[in-house]
Protein backbone atom coordinates (compact mmCIF):
# COMPACT_ATOMS: atom_id res chain seq x y z
CA ASP A 1 79.68 143.62 123.71
CA GLU A 2 80.76 143.53 127.35
CA THR A 3 80.01 139.84 127.88
CA GLU A 4 81.92 138.75 124.78
CA ALA A 5 84.90 140.93 125.69
CA LEU A 6 84.99 139.47 129.21
CA ALA A 7 84.79 135.91 127.90
CA ARG A 8 87.61 136.59 125.47
CA LEU A 9 89.83 138.05 128.18
CA GLN A 10 89.16 135.05 130.41
CA SER A 11 90.05 132.47 127.76
CA THR A 12 93.55 131.10 127.46
CA ALA A 13 95.33 131.66 124.14
CA SER A 14 95.03 128.56 121.94
CA LEU A 15 98.34 127.54 120.41
CA LYS A 16 98.12 124.69 117.86
CA PHE A 17 100.59 123.00 115.50
CA TYR A 18 99.30 121.60 112.19
CA LEU A 19 100.98 119.88 109.26
CA LEU A 20 100.00 122.01 106.25
CA ARG A 21 99.95 119.58 103.32
CA GLN A 22 98.31 122.34 101.24
CA LEU A 23 101.71 124.11 101.11
CA GLY A 24 103.33 121.09 99.47
CA LYS A 25 106.97 120.44 100.24
CA LYS A 26 110.07 122.60 100.36
CA ASP A 27 110.80 122.09 96.62
CA GLN A 28 107.29 121.12 95.46
CA PRO A 29 104.75 123.94 95.73
CA GLY A 30 101.26 123.05 96.86
CA ILE A 31 97.86 124.60 96.31
CA TRP A 32 98.63 127.24 98.98
CA SER A 33 101.69 129.43 99.41
CA LEU A 34 103.14 131.64 102.11
CA ARG A 35 103.32 135.38 101.55
CA HIS A 36 104.04 138.38 103.78
CA ASP A 37 101.51 141.12 104.33
CA LYS A 38 102.32 144.80 104.81
CA GLU A 39 103.20 144.24 108.47
CA ASP A 40 105.51 141.35 107.46
CA ASN A 41 103.18 138.71 108.90
CA ASP A 42 102.97 135.31 107.22
CA ILE A 43 99.69 134.80 105.37
CA LEU A 44 98.36 131.88 103.36
CA VAL A 45 97.34 132.50 99.76
CA HIS A 46 96.18 130.36 96.86
CA THR A 47 99.21 129.53 94.69
CA ASN A 48 97.35 130.03 91.39
CA THR A 49 95.51 133.25 92.19
CA GLY A 50 97.47 134.88 95.02
CA LEU A 51 94.18 135.46 96.86
CA PRO A 52 94.16 134.92 100.63
CA VAL A 53 92.91 131.60 101.96
CA SER A 54 89.52 132.28 103.62
CA ASP A 55 88.58 131.48 107.20
CA ALA A 56 86.10 128.89 105.88
CA GLU A 57 88.88 127.18 103.87
CA LEU A 58 91.10 127.15 106.96
CA GLU A 59 88.28 125.60 109.01
CA GLU A 60 87.66 122.92 106.40
CA GLY A 61 91.21 122.22 105.36
CA VAL A 62 93.11 122.68 108.63
CA PHE A 63 91.14 123.19 111.82
CA ASN A 64 88.67 120.32 111.30
CA GLU A 65 91.60 117.95 111.85
CA PRO A 66 93.11 117.42 115.28
CA PRO A 67 96.37 119.36 115.73
CA ILE A 68 99.70 117.57 115.98
CA ALA A 69 100.38 119.30 119.29
CA SER A 70 99.17 122.27 121.28
CA GLY A 71 100.49 124.79 123.73
CA GLU A 72 99.41 122.45 126.54
CA ASP A 73 102.11 120.01 125.38
CA MET A 74 104.88 122.61 125.65
CA ILE A 75 107.03 123.85 128.50
CA GLY A 76 106.11 127.53 128.21
CA GLU A 77 109.17 128.89 129.95
CA SER A 78 111.36 127.15 127.38
CA CYS A 79 110.20 129.41 124.52
CA LYS A 80 112.92 132.01 124.01
CA ALA A 81 114.71 133.94 121.32
CA GLU A 82 118.41 133.29 120.86
CA LEU A 83 121.07 134.79 118.62
CA ASN A 84 122.34 132.60 115.83
CA PRO A 85 126.18 132.67 115.56
CA GLN A 86 125.81 132.82 111.75
CA GLY A 87 123.63 135.90 112.04
CA GLY A 88 120.01 136.58 112.82
CA ALA A 89 118.04 134.84 115.54
CA TYR A 90 115.94 131.78 116.15
CA ILE A 91 113.27 130.61 118.61
CA ALA A 92 114.01 127.68 120.94
CA PHE A 93 111.16 125.63 122.38
CA GLU A 94 110.62 122.41 124.29
CA PHE A 95 107.80 119.89 124.70
CA ASP A 96 106.91 118.23 127.97
CA PRO A 97 107.85 114.55 127.47
CA LEU A 98 104.95 113.50 129.69
CA LYS A 99 102.35 115.12 127.40
CA PRO A 100 100.87 113.20 124.42
CA GLY A 101 101.65 115.93 121.90
CA SER A 102 105.38 115.51 122.44
CA ALA A 103 105.48 111.99 120.95
CA LYS A 104 103.04 112.89 118.15
CA PHE A 105 105.16 115.93 117.29
CA GLU A 106 108.30 113.80 117.04
CA GLU A 107 106.52 111.16 114.95
CA THR A 108 105.15 113.78 112.55
CA THR A 109 108.42 115.65 112.13
CA ARG A 110 110.20 112.34 111.46
CA ALA A 111 107.68 111.28 108.81
CA PHE A 112 107.17 114.63 107.06
CA GLN A 113 110.60 116.19 106.55
CA ASP A 114 110.62 119.05 104.00
CA HIS A 115 106.89 119.66 104.62
CA TYR A 116 105.53 122.76 106.36
CA LEU A 117 104.43 122.81 109.95
CA ALA A 118 102.14 125.72 110.78
CA VAL A 119 101.85 127.36 114.18
CA PHE A 120 98.53 129.06 114.89
CA LEU A 121 97.62 131.19 117.88
CA ASP A 122 93.85 131.61 118.23
CA LYS A 123 93.54 130.46 114.57
CA LYS A 124 95.90 133.18 113.37
CA LEU A 125 98.99 131.97 111.54
CA LEU A 126 102.17 132.83 113.44
CA THR A 127 104.67 131.00 111.26
CA ALA A 128 104.97 127.96 109.00
CA PRO A 129 108.58 126.74 108.90
CA THR A 130 109.84 123.77 106.93
CA ILE A 131 110.50 120.58 108.91
CA ASN A 132 114.24 120.03 108.54
CA GLY A 133 114.41 116.86 110.65
CA PRO A 134 112.84 114.98 113.50
CA ILE A 135 112.17 117.09 116.58
CA SER A 136 112.36 115.07 119.77
CA GLY A 137 111.54 117.17 122.79
CA LYS A 138 113.55 120.31 122.01
CA GLY A 139 113.50 122.22 118.76
CA ILE A 140 114.15 125.54 117.09
CA ILE A 141 112.31 127.66 114.58
CA GLU A 142 114.67 129.29 112.12
CA GLY A 143 113.90 131.97 109.59
CA ASN A 144 114.78 135.51 108.69
CA PHE A 145 114.30 136.67 112.25
CA THR A 146 115.80 139.70 113.90
CA LEU A 147 116.28 139.34 117.63
CA GLU A 148 113.25 141.58 118.14
CA SER A 149 110.96 139.54 115.81
CA ALA A 150 112.22 136.27 117.37
CA LYS A 151 111.43 137.60 120.85
CA ALA A 152 107.93 138.61 119.68
CA LEU A 153 107.26 135.11 118.30
CA ALA A 154 108.71 133.45 121.41
CA ASP A 155 106.37 135.58 123.55
CA GLN A 156 103.41 134.47 121.44
CA LEU A 157 104.43 130.83 121.85
CA LYS A 158 104.69 131.35 125.61
CA ALA A 159 101.24 132.98 125.69
CA GLY A 160 99.75 129.93 124.03
CA ALA A 161 101.66 127.47 126.19
CA LEU A 162 100.97 128.94 129.60
CA PRO A 163 97.58 128.79 131.28
CA VAL A 164 96.90 132.31 132.43
CA PRO A 165 93.69 132.46 134.45
CA LEU A 166 91.96 135.79 134.86
CA GLU A 167 89.87 136.63 137.86
CA VAL A 168 87.25 139.34 137.44
CA LEU A 169 87.36 141.70 140.40
CA GLU A 170 84.85 144.26 139.19
CA THR A 171 82.94 145.21 136.07
CA ARG A 172 81.68 148.66 135.33
CA LYS A 173 79.59 150.05 132.58
CA LEU A 174 80.84 153.38 131.33
CA GLU A 175 78.31 155.89 130.13
CA ALA A 176 79.04 159.12 128.36
CA THR A 177 77.07 162.18 129.28
CA LEU A 178 76.66 165.21 127.16
CA GLY A 179 77.00 168.46 129.00
């Protein structure tokens, strides 16, 4: 559908941070678990059955609550991959202290250490790291990242943090002819 495709292209990516209580805590499994799919993406599954969490369950259990912060609260240019001296890579990010999500993010990370904080881009799970301590302004996302995978995640965070308007210059309908 041409209209739907155009609307999607014109919309800004929606980056949201949610506390995922369903995952439990670092040492106390919850009703959901994190798994990796064939492409090594994080996915949410039911702990008891291993079945993926449905879109309806995500809507009801996650997205019907306001997010802790969003891409609008971040400084988009701050999202970057960096090499860890101990090996691997991590993603650095920063919140704008003048935005409301910055204070809420710090408050949440202070109160919910060892819980999981999920990052969604357009309602697709990007990552769900454990909160290791309070994050005031600047933070990092650690994991089993290669520099390449860290760069990819940093780019996705930037895409959700930066408003990227799109101006339509021309639309054309393509038609195939049989000859």
